[in-house]
Structure formats: C-alpha cells, structure tokens
Amino acid sequence: MRRTRTAGFTLLEVMIAVAILAVSLMALSLTMIRSIRASQHARLMTQATFLCRLKFGDLEDGFVVNGFTDDSGIVENKGDFDDPLFKNFRWSYSIQKIELPAADKIQSAATKLLQDKQKVGESASEAVGGPRSSSNSSASGGMAGGMGSFLGPVKQMLEQGIRRVTMRVLWNEPGLPDQKVEVVTFYTDMRRIPLGGMAGTTGTGTKTGTGTGSTTGTTTK
C-alpha cells in the first residue's frame, strides 16, 4: 500500500514560533510594567503636591497669628505626616531671611544705569546735530545722591518683612528612590517692617497683618 504524507509543522518551525511568541510577550509585559509605574508615579506626585499645600497652610496659619518669630538666617524643620495613609511621605521646610546687596552696591548699580541712559541720550542728540546738555548730568547725579539716603531704610524694610520658604515633600518608589516635590514661596509680614525708620516718615506705623507671595516654581527629581 502507498503511504500518504499528511501536512504538518516541523520541530524547527515550532521552535521559531515559540521564540517569536516569547519575545512578544516579554515586550508586552515590559510595556505594562512601565505603564503601571508611570501611573503609580503620577498618583504619588499628586499626593505629594496636595501634602505640600497642606503644610503651607499650617505655616500660613502660624504666620498670621504670630508673624515671623525667628530672626536667624535660616530655620529648618522636618518630620513625617501623622496620617497613616501618607506614611511613605516625609516633609521638610526651610525659612530663610532674605539678604539684599549692600546699599552702596545698589546705589552704584543705579548710578551706572542712569549714566548709561544719559550717554545713549547724548549720542542720539549728537547724531541729529543737537547740542550736548549738561543738565541731564547734574540731574542724574542729584537723583543718584538722593537715592543713597533712601536705599538703606528700604533694604532694612525688605529684609525684616520678607521670608523665603522652601517646602519639600519626599518619598521613595521601587526603583526610583529619593523622589521629591519642592515649592518656593515668599511671605511678607507687615508687622516686621519698621515704617517709622523711613526717611520723611513720622509715627510708629500700624500692624496690617500678614500676606503671602506667589509660588515661584516646582521642581521634581
């Protein structure tokens, strides 16, 4: 009897198909793992931002009631959140007294700016054939001189009444340690501003409460 040969797959074809299937499943699993990690990271970022705003609220309440209570350069504090739902998060903040350049440096920069503007004006006048004027030079000198007596009190006011607050919320993720959200805000306390020290100002001033500045940025690592 004649044998009939039935169509089928050889062992080599089966091995190639299994290898292709294994590579495809591995790629699919890696994509799913990355998608899950990205979703988890986004959820933790949202929670950290919420917690950062929560801690800012606590600080603002203290500033409104007590104002700025420490005159040192930098005040730092850190801790954990009491809510067990946020046990994986930590917080830290620093309150920094701003330091402006010395009054003489500010005056020098302002004087240079006025002189540069004067030179530009004189160059434009000469270009059209007009005469050079010495009144602008004397006016610039008088303005710079009057600014010197004004910058010192203004510098003191700003340094006493403004604080730079940096808030950080930190956490760890599998494969991504030391994650954080950092927000910088400036607060003002009008009660700390020595209004009576201003040139030409009489009286002792009044307490007007506490205000907040605007958020200047958020950085994530």
N, C-alpha and C. Protein backbone atom coordinates (compact mmCIF):
# COMPACT_ATOMS: atom_id res chain seq x y z
N MET A 1 0.85 -1.20 0.00
CA MET A 1 0.00 0.00 0.00
C MET A 1 0.88 1.25 0.00
N ARG A 2 0.41 2.26 -0.68
CA ARG A 2 1.15 3.50 -0.73
C ARG A 2 0.77 4.38 0.47
N ARG A 3 1.80 4.84 1.19
CA ARG A 3 1.55 5.72 2.33
C ARG A 3 1.31 7.16 1.86
N THR A 4 0.34 7.77 2.51
CA THR A 4 0.05 9.18 2.21
C THR A 4 0.67 10.06 3.29
N ARG A 5 1.37 11.10 2.86
CA ARG A 5 2.04 12.01 3.80
C ARG A 5 1.09 13.17 4.14
N THR A 6 0.87 13.40 5.44
CA THR A 6 0.00 14.49 5.91
C THR A 6 0.84 15.73 6.19
N ALA A 7 0.26 16.93 5.87
CA ALA A 7 0.98 18.18 6.09
C ALA A 7 1.07 18.48 7.58
N GLY A 8 2.15 19.09 8.04
CA GLY A 8 2.35 19.42 9.45
C GLY A 8 3.53 20.36 9.62
N PHE A 9 3.85 20.68 10.89
CA PHE A 9 4.96 21.59 11.23
C PHE A 9 6.16 20.76 11.65
N THR A 10 7.27 21.22 11.22
CA THR A 10 8.50 20.58 11.66
C THR A 10 8.89 21.13 13.03
N LEU A 11 9.79 20.44 13.69
CA LEU A 11 10.25 20.88 15.01
C LEU A 11 10.91 22.25 14.94
N LEU A 12 11.62 22.52 13.86
CA LEU A 12 12.28 23.82 13.73
C LEU A 12 11.25 24.94 13.63
N GLU A 13 10.19 24.74 12.89
CA GLU A 13 9.15 25.76 12.76
C GLU A 13 8.46 26.03 14.09
N VAL A 14 8.23 24.97 14.86
CA VAL A 14 7.60 25.15 16.17
C VAL A 14 8.51 25.94 17.10
N MET A 15 9.78 25.65 17.08
CA MET A 15 10.72 26.36 17.95
C MET A 15 10.80 27.85 17.58
N ILE A 16 10.80 28.14 16.29
CA ILE A 16 10.84 29.54 15.85
C ILE A 16 9.58 30.27 16.29
N ALA A 17 8.42 29.65 16.17
CA ALA A 17 7.16 30.27 16.56
C ALA A 17 7.12 30.53 18.07
N VAL A 18 7.61 29.57 18.85
CA VAL A 18 7.63 29.76 20.30
C VAL A 18 8.57 30.90 20.68
N ALA A 19 9.71 31.00 19.99
CA ALA A 19 10.66 32.07 20.29
C ALA A 19 10.05 33.44 19.98
N ILE A 20 9.36 33.56 18.85
CA ILE A 20 8.71 34.82 18.50
C ILE A 20 7.63 35.17 19.52
N LEU A 21 6.85 34.17 19.94
CA LEU A 21 5.82 34.41 20.94
C LEU A 21 6.42 34.86 22.27
N ALA A 22 7.53 34.26 22.69
CA ALA A 22 8.16 34.63 23.96
C ALA A 22 8.68 36.07 23.92
N VAL A 23 9.31 36.46 22.80
CA VAL A 23 9.80 37.83 22.68
C VAL A 23 8.65 38.83 22.71
N SER A 24 7.54 38.50 22.04
CA SER A 24 6.39 39.40 22.01
C SER A 24 5.78 39.55 23.39
N LEU A 25 5.63 38.44 24.11
CA LEU A 25 5.07 38.51 25.47
C LEU A 25 5.98 39.29 26.42
N MET A 26 7.29 39.13 26.24
CA MET A 26 8.22 39.87 27.10
C MET A 26 8.11 41.38 26.85
N ALA A 27 8.04 41.77 25.58
CA ALA A 27 7.90 43.19 25.26
C ALA A 27 6.58 43.74 25.79
N LEU A 28 5.52 42.94 25.67
CA LEU A 28 4.22 43.38 26.18
C LEU A 28 4.23 43.52 27.69
N SER A 29 4.87 42.60 28.39
CA SER A 29 4.94 42.68 29.85
C SER A 29 5.75 43.88 30.30
N LEU A 30 6.86 44.18 29.61
CA LEU A 30 7.66 45.36 29.97
C LEU A 30 6.87 46.65 29.76
N THR A 31 6.09 46.69 28.69
CA THR A 31 5.27 47.87 28.44
C THR A 31 4.22 48.05 29.53
N MET A 32 3.61 46.95 29.96
CA MET A 32 2.62 47.03 31.02
C MET A 32 3.25 47.45 32.34
N ILE A 33 4.45 46.94 32.64
CA ILE A 33 5.12 47.31 33.89
C ILE A 33 5.46 48.80 33.89
N ARG A 34 5.97 49.29 32.76
CA ARG A 34 6.29 50.72 32.68
C ARG A 34 5.05 51.58 32.81
N SER A 35 3.95 51.13 32.21
CA SER A 35 2.70 51.89 32.31
C SER A 35 2.20 51.93 33.75
N ILE A 36 2.31 50.82 34.46
CA ILE A 36 1.88 50.78 35.85
C ILE A 36 2.76 51.69 36.71
N ARG A 37 4.07 51.65 36.47
CA ARG A 37 4.98 52.51 37.24
C ARG A 37 4.70 53.99 36.98
N ALA A 38 4.44 54.33 35.72
CA ALA A 38 4.14 55.73 35.40
C ALA A 38 2.85 56.18 36.07
N SER A 39 1.85 55.31 36.08
CA SER A 39 0.60 55.64 36.75
C SER A 39 0.80 55.80 38.26
N GLN A 40 1.60 54.91 38.84
CA GLN A 40 1.89 55.00 40.26
C GLN A 40 2.66 56.26 40.60
N HIS A 41 3.62 56.62 39.75
CA HIS A 41 4.41 57.83 39.98
C HIS A 41 3.53 59.08 39.89
N ALA A 42 2.63 59.10 38.92
CA ALA A 42 1.73 60.25 38.78
C ALA A 42 0.82 60.37 39.99
N ARG A 43 0.35 59.24 40.52
CA ARG A 43 -0.52 59.28 41.70
C ARG A 43 0.24 59.80 42.92
N LEU A 44 1.50 59.36 43.09
CA LEU A 44 2.30 59.83 44.21
C LEU A 44 2.66 61.30 44.06
N MET A 45 2.90 61.75 42.83
CA MET A 45 3.18 63.17 42.61
C MET A 45 1.98 64.03 42.99
N THR A 46 0.79 63.56 42.64
CA THR A 46 -0.43 64.30 43.00
C THR A 46 -0.59 64.37 44.51
N GLN A 47 -0.37 63.25 45.20
CA GLN A 47 -0.47 63.24 46.66
C GLN A 47 0.59 64.15 47.29
N ALA A 48 1.82 64.13 46.75
CA ALA A 48 2.88 64.97 47.31
C ALA A 48 2.56 66.45 47.13
N THR A 49 2.00 66.82 46.00
CA THR A 49 1.61 68.21 45.78
C THR A 49 0.52 68.63 46.76
N PHE A 50 -0.45 67.75 46.99
CA PHE A 50 -1.50 68.04 47.96
C PHE A 50 -0.92 68.21 49.37
N LEU A 51 0.00 67.33 49.75
CA LEU A 51 0.61 67.41 51.07
C LEU A 51 1.46 68.68 51.21
N CYS A 52 2.10 69.07 50.13
CA CYS A 52 2.90 70.30 50.16
C CYS A 52 2.00 71.51 50.42
N ARG A 53 0.86 71.56 49.78
CA ARG A 53 -0.09 72.65 50.02
C ARG A 53 -0.63 72.60 51.44
N LEU A 54 -0.81 71.38 51.96
CA LEU A 54 -1.30 71.24 53.33
C LEU A 54 -0.31 71.81 54.34
N LYS A 55 0.97 71.53 54.16
CA LYS A 55 1.98 72.06 55.07
C LYS A 55 2.13 73.58 54.93
N PHE A 56 1.98 74.08 53.72
CA PHE A 56 1.99 75.53 53.54
C PHE A 56 0.84 76.19 54.30
N GLY A 57 -0.31 75.52 54.32
CA GLY A 57 -1.44 76.05 55.07
C GLY A 57 -1.14 76.13 56.56
N ASP A 58 -0.47 75.11 57.09
CA ASP A 58 -0.10 75.15 58.51
C ASP A 58 0.87 76.30 58.80
N LEU A 59 1.85 76.49 57.91
CA LEU A 59 2.79 77.59 58.11
C LEU A 59 2.10 78.95 58.02
N GLU A 60 1.20 79.10 57.08
CA GLU A 60 0.49 80.37 56.93
C GLU A 60 -0.32 80.70 58.17
N ASP A 61 -0.97 79.69 58.75
CA ASP A 61 -1.74 79.93 59.98
C ASP A 61 -0.84 80.46 61.09
N GLY A 62 0.36 79.87 61.20
CA GLY A 62 1.30 80.35 62.21
C GLY A 62 1.79 81.76 61.93
N PHE A 63 2.03 82.08 60.66
CA PHE A 63 2.48 83.43 60.32
C PHE A 63 1.40 84.47 60.59
N VAL A 64 0.16 84.12 60.31
CA VAL A 64 -0.93 85.07 60.53
C VAL A 64 -1.07 85.38 62.02
N VAL A 65 -0.95 84.36 62.88
CA VAL A 65 -1.14 84.56 64.31
C VAL A 65 0.09 85.17 64.96
N ASN A 66 1.27 84.61 64.67
CA ASN A 66 2.49 85.01 65.38
C ASN A 66 3.46 85.83 64.56
N GLY A 67 3.29 85.86 63.25
CA GLY A 67 4.26 86.55 62.41
C GLY A 67 5.56 85.77 62.32
N PHE A 68 6.63 86.46 61.93
CA PHE A 68 7.95 85.84 61.87
C PHE A 68 8.57 85.92 63.27
N THR A 69 8.81 84.76 63.85
CA THR A 69 9.25 84.71 65.25
C THR A 69 10.75 84.49 65.39
N ASP A 70 11.47 84.29 64.29
CA ASP A 70 12.90 84.00 64.39
C ASP A 70 13.66 84.91 63.45
N ASP A 71 14.69 85.56 63.97
CA ASP A 71 15.49 86.48 63.18
C ASP A 71 16.77 85.84 62.64
N SER A 72 16.98 84.55 62.88
CA SER A 72 18.19 83.91 62.38
C SER A 72 18.13 83.77 60.86
N GLY A 73 19.28 83.46 60.27
CA GLY A 73 19.35 83.40 58.82
C GLY A 73 18.45 82.35 58.21
N ILE A 74 18.55 81.10 58.66
CA ILE A 74 17.76 80.00 58.10
C ILE A 74 17.18 79.17 59.24
N VAL A 75 15.91 78.87 59.17
CA VAL A 75 15.24 77.98 60.12
C VAL A 75 14.79 76.75 59.35
N GLU A 76 15.19 75.56 59.79
CA GLU A 76 14.85 74.33 59.10
C GLU A 76 14.08 73.41 60.04
N ASN A 77 13.17 72.64 59.45
CA ASN A 77 12.38 71.69 60.21
C ASN A 77 11.99 70.54 59.28
N LYS A 78 11.79 69.36 59.85
CA LYS A 78 11.40 68.21 59.05
C LYS A 78 10.66 67.21 59.93
N GLY A 79 9.95 66.29 59.29
CA GLY A 79 9.19 65.30 60.04
C GLY A 79 8.38 64.41 59.12
N ASP A 80 7.49 63.61 59.71
CA ASP A 80 6.62 62.71 58.98
C ASP A 80 5.17 63.17 59.13
N PHE A 81 4.33 62.69 58.24
CA PHE A 81 2.91 63.00 58.31
C PHE A 81 2.22 62.06 59.29
N ASP A 82 1.28 62.62 60.06
CA ASP A 82 0.60 61.83 61.07
C ASP A 82 -0.41 60.85 60.47
N ASP A 83 -0.99 61.18 59.35
CA ASP A 83 -2.00 60.32 58.73
C ASP A 83 -1.34 59.02 58.24
N PRO A 84 -1.85 57.86 58.65
CA PRO A 84 -1.23 56.59 58.20
C PRO A 84 -1.33 56.38 56.70
N LEU A 85 -2.26 57.07 56.04
CA LEU A 85 -2.36 56.93 54.59
C LEU A 85 -1.15 57.51 53.87
N PHE A 86 -0.44 58.41 54.55
CA PHE A 86 0.70 59.06 53.94
C PHE A 86 1.99 58.73 54.69
N LYS A 87 2.08 57.52 55.20
CA LYS A 87 3.25 57.13 55.98
C LYS A 87 4.51 57.02 55.13
N ASN A 88 4.36 56.90 53.82
CA ASN A 88 5.53 56.80 52.95
C ASN A 88 6.12 58.16 52.59
N PHE A 89 5.47 59.22 53.03
CA PHE A 89 5.94 60.57 52.69
C PHE A 89 6.62 61.21 53.89
N ARG A 90 7.57 62.11 53.59
CA ARG A 90 8.24 62.92 54.59
C ARG A 90 8.21 64.37 54.14
N TRP A 91 8.30 65.28 55.08
CA TRP A 91 8.31 66.70 54.73
C TRP A 91 9.49 67.40 55.39
N SER A 92 9.90 68.46 54.77
CA SER A 92 10.93 69.33 55.33
C SER A 92 10.74 70.71 54.73
N TYR A 93 11.08 71.72 55.52
CA TYR A 93 10.99 73.08 55.00
C TYR A 93 12.09 73.92 55.62
N SER A 94 12.41 75.01 54.93
CA SER A 94 13.39 75.98 55.42
C SER A 94 12.81 77.37 55.24
N ILE A 95 12.95 78.19 56.29
CA ILE A 95 12.52 79.58 56.26
C ILE A 95 13.78 80.44 56.28
N GLN A 96 13.98 81.20 55.23
CA GLN A 96 15.22 81.95 55.06
C GLN A 96 14.94 83.44 55.03
N LYS A 97 15.67 84.16 55.83
CA LYS A 97 15.61 85.63 55.80
C LYS A 97 16.38 86.12 54.58
N ILE A 98 15.72 86.89 53.74
CA ILE A 98 16.37 87.32 52.51
C ILE A 98 17.49 88.30 52.83
N GLU A 99 18.54 88.26 52.03
CA GLU A 99 19.67 89.16 52.19
C GLU A 99 19.89 89.89 50.87
N LEU A 100 19.68 91.17 50.90
CA LEU A 100 19.87 92.01 49.71
C LEU A 100 21.31 92.52 49.66
N PRO A 101 21.77 92.93 48.49
CA PRO A 101 23.12 93.51 48.40
C PRO A 101 23.22 94.77 49.25
N ALA A 102 24.44 95.14 49.57
CA ALA A 102 24.67 96.35 50.37
C ALA A 102 24.12 97.56 49.63
N ALA A 103 23.73 98.57 50.44
CA ALA A 103 23.11 99.77 49.86
C ALA A 103 24.05 100.48 48.89
N ASP A 104 25.35 100.50 49.19
CA ASP A 104 26.28 101.18 48.30
C ASP A 104 26.39 100.47 46.95
N LYS A 105 26.28 99.12 46.96
CA LYS A 105 26.31 98.39 45.69
C LYS A 105 25.07 98.67 44.87
N ILE A 106 23.91 98.73 45.54
CA ILE A 106 22.69 99.04 44.82
C ILE A 106 22.77 100.45 44.24
N GLN A 107 23.30 101.39 45.03
CA GLN A 107 23.42 102.76 44.56
C GLN A 107 24.37 102.84 43.37
N SER A 108 25.49 102.10 43.43
CA SER A 108 26.44 102.11 42.32
C SER A 108 25.81 101.56 41.05
N ALA A 109 25.03 100.48 41.19
CA ALA A 109 24.37 99.92 40.01
C ALA A 109 23.34 100.90 39.44
N ALA A 110 22.59 101.57 40.33
CA ALA A 110 21.60 102.54 39.85
C ALA A 110 22.28 103.73 39.19
N THR A 111 23.39 104.20 39.77
CA THR A 111 24.12 105.31 39.17
C THR A 111 24.66 104.95 37.80
N LYS A 112 25.20 103.76 37.67
CA LYS A 112 25.72 103.31 36.37
C LYS A 112 24.61 103.23 35.34
N LEU A 113 23.43 102.74 35.77
CA LEU A 113 22.31 102.66 34.84
C LEU A 113 21.89 104.04 34.35
N LEU A 114 21.84 105.01 35.27
CA LEU A 114 21.47 106.37 34.87
C LEU A 114 22.51 106.98 33.94
N GLN A 115 23.78 106.72 34.23
CA GLN A 115 24.84 107.25 33.36
C GLN A 115 24.78 106.62 31.97
N ASP A 116 24.50 105.32 31.90
CA ASP A 116 24.39 104.67 30.60
C ASP A 116 23.23 105.25 29.79
N LYS A 117 22.11 105.50 30.46
CA LYS A 117 20.97 106.09 29.76
C LYS A 117 21.30 107.50 29.30
N GLN A 118 22.06 108.24 30.11
CA GLN A 118 22.45 109.59 29.73
C GLN A 118 23.35 109.56 28.50
N LYS A 119 24.30 108.60 28.47
CA LYS A 119 25.19 108.50 27.31
C LYS A 119 24.42 108.16 26.05
N VAL A 120 23.43 107.29 26.16
CA VAL A 120 22.63 106.96 24.99
C VAL A 120 21.88 108.19 24.49
N GLY A 121 21.33 108.98 25.43
CA GLY A 121 20.63 110.18 25.02
C GLY A 121 21.54 111.20 24.37
N GLU A 122 22.77 111.37 24.90
CA GLU A 122 23.72 112.31 24.30
C GLU A 122 24.15 111.85 22.91
N SER A 123 24.34 110.54 22.75
CA SER A 123 24.73 110.03 21.43
C SER A 123 23.63 110.28 20.42
N ALA A 124 22.39 110.11 20.82
CA ALA A 124 21.28 110.35 19.90
C ALA A 124 21.18 111.83 19.56
N SER A 125 21.45 112.70 20.54
CA SER A 125 21.40 114.15 20.29
C SER A 125 22.50 114.59 19.33
N GLU A 126 23.69 114.04 19.51
CA GLU A 126 24.79 114.38 18.61
C GLU A 126 24.53 113.87 17.20
N ALA A 127 23.85 112.73 17.09
CA ALA A 127 23.60 112.16 15.77
C ALA A 127 22.70 113.06 14.93
N VAL A 128 21.78 113.76 15.59
CA VAL A 128 20.88 114.66 14.87
C VAL A 128 21.40 116.09 14.84
N GLY A 129 22.63 116.30 15.37
CA GLY A 129 23.24 117.61 15.32
C GLY A 129 22.85 118.55 16.42
N GLY A 130 22.23 118.06 17.46
CA GLY A 130 21.81 118.90 18.57
C GLY A 130 22.95 119.13 19.54
N PRO A 131 22.83 120.15 20.39
CA PRO A 131 23.90 120.43 21.37
C PRO A 131 23.84 119.47 22.54
N ARG A 132 24.97 119.25 23.17
CA ARG A 132 25.05 118.42 24.36
C ARG A 132 24.59 119.23 25.55
N SER A 133 23.83 118.58 26.40
CA SER A 133 23.26 119.27 27.56
C SER A 133 23.91 118.74 28.82
N SER A 134 24.28 119.68 29.70
CA SER A 134 24.88 119.29 30.98
C SER A 134 23.85 119.17 32.09
N SER A 135 22.60 119.57 31.81
CA SER A 135 21.56 119.48 32.84
C SER A 135 21.22 118.04 33.16
N ASN A 136 21.27 117.16 32.14
CA ASN A 136 20.98 115.75 32.39
C ASN A 136 22.00 115.14 33.33
N SER A 137 23.28 115.55 33.17
CA SER A 137 24.32 115.02 34.02
C SER A 137 24.12 115.42 35.47
N SER A 138 23.79 116.69 35.69
CA SER A 138 23.57 117.14 37.07
C SER A 138 22.33 116.52 37.66
N ALA A 139 21.30 116.33 36.82
CA ALA A 139 20.06 115.70 37.32
C ALA A 139 20.32 114.25 37.71
N SER A 140 21.11 113.56 36.89
CA SER A 140 21.43 112.16 37.21
C SER A 140 22.23 112.07 38.49
N GLY A 141 23.20 113.00 38.66
CA GLY A 141 23.98 112.98 39.89
C GLY A 141 23.13 113.26 41.11
N GLY A 142 22.21 114.24 40.99
CA GLY A 142 21.33 114.53 42.12
C GLY A 142 20.40 113.38 42.45
N MET A 143 19.89 112.72 41.42
CA MET A 143 18.99 111.59 41.66
C MET A 143 19.73 110.44 42.33
N ALA A 144 20.97 110.16 41.87
CA ALA A 144 21.75 109.08 42.48
C ALA A 144 22.10 109.42 43.92
N GLY A 145 22.42 110.73 44.19
CA GLY A 145 22.73 111.10 45.57
C GLY A 145 21.54 110.97 46.48
N GLY A 146 20.36 111.39 45.99
CA GLY A 146 19.17 111.26 46.82
C GLY A 146 18.76 109.82 47.04
N MET A 147 19.09 108.96 46.10
CA MET A 147 18.76 107.55 46.24
C MET A 147 19.55 106.88 47.35
N GLY A 148 20.77 107.39 47.62
CA GLY A 148 21.61 106.77 48.64
C GLY A 148 20.99 106.81 50.01
N SER A 149 20.34 107.93 50.38
CA SER A 149 19.71 108.05 51.69
C SER A 149 18.41 107.26 51.78
N PHE A 150 17.89 106.84 50.65
CA PHE A 150 16.61 106.13 50.62
C PHE A 150 16.79 104.61 50.61
N LEU A 151 17.91 104.13 50.04
CA LEU A 151 18.09 102.69 49.86
C LEU A 151 18.30 101.96 51.18
N GLY A 152 19.00 102.57 52.13
CA GLY A 152 19.26 101.89 53.39
C GLY A 152 18.00 101.49 54.13
N PRO A 153 17.07 102.42 54.38
CA PRO A 153 15.82 102.04 55.05
C PRO A 153 14.99 101.05 54.25
N VAL A 154 14.96 101.20 52.93
CA VAL A 154 14.19 100.26 52.11
C VAL A 154 14.78 98.85 52.21
N LYS A 155 16.09 98.76 52.16
CA LYS A 155 16.76 97.46 52.31
C LYS A 155 16.41 96.82 53.65
N GLN A 156 16.43 97.60 54.72
CA GLN A 156 16.10 97.08 56.04
C GLN A 156 14.65 96.63 56.11
N MET A 157 13.75 97.39 55.50
CA MET A 157 12.33 97.02 55.48
C MET A 157 12.11 95.68 54.81
N LEU A 158 12.71 95.51 53.64
CA LEU A 158 12.51 94.28 52.88
C LEU A 158 13.09 93.08 53.62
N GLU A 159 14.27 93.24 54.18
CA GLU A 159 14.90 92.11 54.87
C GLU A 159 14.13 91.72 56.13
N GLN A 160 13.54 92.68 56.81
CA GLN A 160 12.80 92.37 58.03
C GLN A 160 11.43 91.79 57.73
N GLY A 161 10.81 92.19 56.61
CA GLY A 161 9.42 91.83 56.38
C GLY A 161 9.18 90.74 55.38
N ILE A 162 10.23 90.13 54.78
CA ILE A 162 10.04 89.10 53.76
C ILE A 162 10.84 87.87 54.14
N ARG A 163 10.21 86.70 53.97
CA ARG A 163 10.89 85.42 54.19
C ARG A 163 10.69 84.52 52.97
N ARG A 164 11.75 83.80 52.65
CA ARG A 164 11.72 82.82 51.55
C ARG A 164 11.52 81.43 52.16
N VAL A 165 10.40 80.79 51.83
CA VAL A 165 10.06 79.48 52.39
C VAL A 165 10.17 78.43 51.29
N THR A 166 10.98 77.41 51.54
CA THR A 166 11.14 76.29 50.61
C THR A 166 10.56 75.04 51.26
N MET A 167 9.51 74.49 50.65
CA MET A 167 8.83 73.32 51.17
C MET A 167 9.16 72.11 50.28
N ARG A 168 9.49 70.99 50.92
CA ARG A 168 9.80 69.76 50.19
C ARG A 168 8.98 68.61 50.77
N VAL A 169 8.44 67.79 49.88
CA VAL A 169 7.79 66.54 50.25
C VAL A 169 8.54 65.42 49.54
N LEU A 170 9.04 64.45 50.32
CA LEU A 170 9.91 63.41 49.79
C LEU A 170 9.28 62.05 49.97
N TRP A 171 9.61 61.12 49.08
CA TRP A 171 9.14 59.75 49.18
C TRP A 171 10.04 58.86 48.32
N ASN A 172 9.89 57.55 48.50
CA ASN A 172 10.65 56.56 47.74
C ASN A 172 9.70 55.68 46.94
N GLU A 173 10.15 55.28 45.78
CA GLU A 173 9.40 54.36 44.93
C GLU A 173 10.31 53.19 44.56
N PRO A 174 9.72 52.05 44.22
CA PRO A 174 10.54 50.92 43.78
C PRO A 174 11.32 51.28 42.52
N GLY A 175 12.63 51.26 42.64
CA GLY A 175 13.48 51.61 41.51
C GLY A 175 13.69 53.10 41.32
N LEU A 176 12.97 53.94 42.09
CA LEU A 176 13.10 55.39 41.98
C LEU A 176 13.20 56.00 43.37
N PRO A 177 14.35 55.88 44.01
CA PRO A 177 14.48 56.43 45.36
C PRO A 177 14.64 57.96 45.33
N ASP A 178 14.40 58.55 46.50
CA ASP A 178 14.64 59.98 46.71
C ASP A 178 13.87 60.86 45.73
N GLN A 179 12.59 60.59 45.59
CA GLN A 179 11.72 61.46 44.81
C GLN A 179 11.25 62.63 45.68
N LYS A 180 11.01 63.79 45.06
CA LYS A 180 10.58 64.93 45.86
C LYS A 180 9.83 65.94 45.01
N VAL A 181 8.98 66.70 45.70
CA VAL A 181 8.35 67.89 45.14
C VAL A 181 8.82 69.07 45.97
N GLU A 182 9.30 70.11 45.32
CA GLU A 182 9.84 71.28 46.01
C GLU A 182 9.14 72.54 45.50
N VAL A 183 8.64 73.33 46.44
CA VAL A 183 7.93 74.57 46.09
C VAL A 183 8.57 75.71 46.89
N VAL A 184 8.81 76.84 46.23
CA VAL A 184 9.39 78.02 46.87
C VAL A 184 8.35 79.14 46.86
N THR A 185 8.13 79.74 48.02
CA THR A 185 7.15 80.81 48.18
C THR A 185 7.75 81.91 49.04
N PHE A 186 7.34 83.14 48.79
CA PHE A 186 7.77 84.27 49.59
C PHE A 186 6.59 84.79 50.41
N TYR A 187 6.83 85.00 51.71
CA TYR A 187 5.81 85.53 52.61
C TYR A 187 6.24 86.90 53.11
N THR A 188 5.25 87.75 53.36
CA THR A 188 5.52 89.08 53.90
C THR A 188 4.76 89.24 55.21
N ASP A 189 5.38 89.94 56.15
CA ASP A 189 4.76 90.26 57.44
C ASP A 189 4.93 91.75 57.66
N MET A 190 3.85 92.50 57.46
CA MET A 190 3.93 93.96 57.57
C MET A 190 4.24 94.41 59.00
N ARG A 191 3.99 93.54 59.98
CA ARG A 191 4.28 93.92 61.36
C ARG A 191 5.77 94.01 61.63
N ARG A 192 6.59 93.38 60.79
CA ARG A 192 8.03 93.41 60.98
C ARG A 192 8.71 94.56 60.25
N ILE A 193 7.95 95.30 59.44
CA ILE A 193 8.54 96.37 58.66
C ILE A 193 8.60 97.64 59.50
N PRO A 194 9.78 98.18 59.76
CA PRO A 194 9.91 99.39 60.58
C PRO A 194 9.56 100.64 59.78
N LEU A 195 8.26 100.91 59.67
CA LEU A 195 7.83 102.05 58.88
C LEU A 195 8.33 103.36 59.46
N GLY A 196 8.51 103.42 60.79
CA GLY A 196 8.97 104.66 61.40
C GLY A 196 10.39 105.00 61.04
N GLY A 197 11.16 104.02 60.51
CA GLY A 197 12.55 104.29 60.16
C GLY A 197 12.73 104.87 58.79
N MET A 198 11.65 104.99 58.02
CA MET A 198 11.77 105.54 56.68
C MET A 198 12.05 107.04 56.73
N ALA A 199 12.88 107.49 55.83
CA ALA A 199 13.19 108.93 55.78
C ALA A 199 11.95 109.70 55.40
N GLY A 200 11.64 110.73 56.21
CA GLY A 200 10.48 111.56 55.92
C GLY A 200 9.19 110.97 56.42
N THR A 201 9.22 109.86 57.18
CA THR A 201 8.01 109.24 57.68
C THR A 201 7.90 109.49 59.16
N THR A 202 6.76 109.91 59.61
CA THR A 202 6.55 110.17 61.03
C THR A 202 5.62 109.13 61.60
N GLY A 203 5.67 108.98 62.94
CA GLY A 203 4.81 107.99 63.58
C GLY A 203 5.50 106.66 63.69
N THR A 204 4.79 105.70 64.26
CA THR A 204 5.37 104.40 64.51
C THR A 204 4.82 103.33 63.58
N GLY A 205 3.85 103.65 62.76
CA GLY A 205 3.31 102.65 61.85
C GLY A 205 2.23 101.83 62.50
N THR A 206 1.54 101.04 61.71
CA THR A 206 0.44 100.20 62.20
C THR A 206 0.66 98.78 61.74
N LYS A 207 0.06 97.85 62.48
CA LYS A 207 0.14 96.43 62.11
C LYS A 207 -0.97 96.13 61.10
N THR A 208 -0.56 95.59 59.97
CA THR A 208 -1.53 95.35 58.92
C THR A 208 -1.71 93.87 58.61
N GLY A 209 -1.12 93.00 59.38
CA GLY A 209 -1.33 91.57 59.16
C GLY A 209 -0.24 90.97 58.31
N THR A 210 -0.51 89.79 57.78
CA THR A 210 0.48 89.01 57.04
C THR A 210 -0.04 88.71 55.66
N GLY A 211 0.81 88.84 54.64
CA GLY A 211 0.44 88.49 53.28
C GLY A 211 1.35 87.42 52.75
N THR A 212 1.00 86.83 51.63
CA THR A 212 1.81 85.78 51.02
C THR A 212 2.20 86.19 49.63
N GLY A 213 3.38 85.75 49.22
CA GLY A 213 3.83 85.99 47.85
C GLY A 213 3.32 84.91 46.93
N SER A 214 3.89 84.85 45.75
CA SER A 214 3.44 83.88 44.76
C SER A 214 4.44 82.75 44.65
N THR A 215 3.95 81.56 44.28
CA THR A 215 4.81 80.41 44.09
C THR A 215 5.71 80.63 42.88
N THR A 216 7.00 80.41 43.07
CA THR A 216 7.92 80.70 42.01
C THR A 216 8.35 79.50 41.19
N GLY A 217 8.01 78.31 41.63
CA GLY A 217 8.41 77.15 40.84
C GLY A 217 8.25 75.87 41.60
N THR A 218 8.15 74.79 40.84
CA THR A 218 8.09 73.46 41.42
C THR A 218 9.06 72.58 40.69
N THR A 219 9.92 71.90 41.42
CA THR A 219 10.91 71.02 40.81
C THR A 219 10.68 69.62 41.30
N THR A 220 10.86 68.69 40.41
CA THR A 220 10.76 67.28 40.76
C THR A 220 12.00 66.57 40.32
N LYS A 221 12.32 65.57 41.06
CA LYS A 221 13.53 64.79 40.74
C LYS A 221 13.10 63.39 40.37
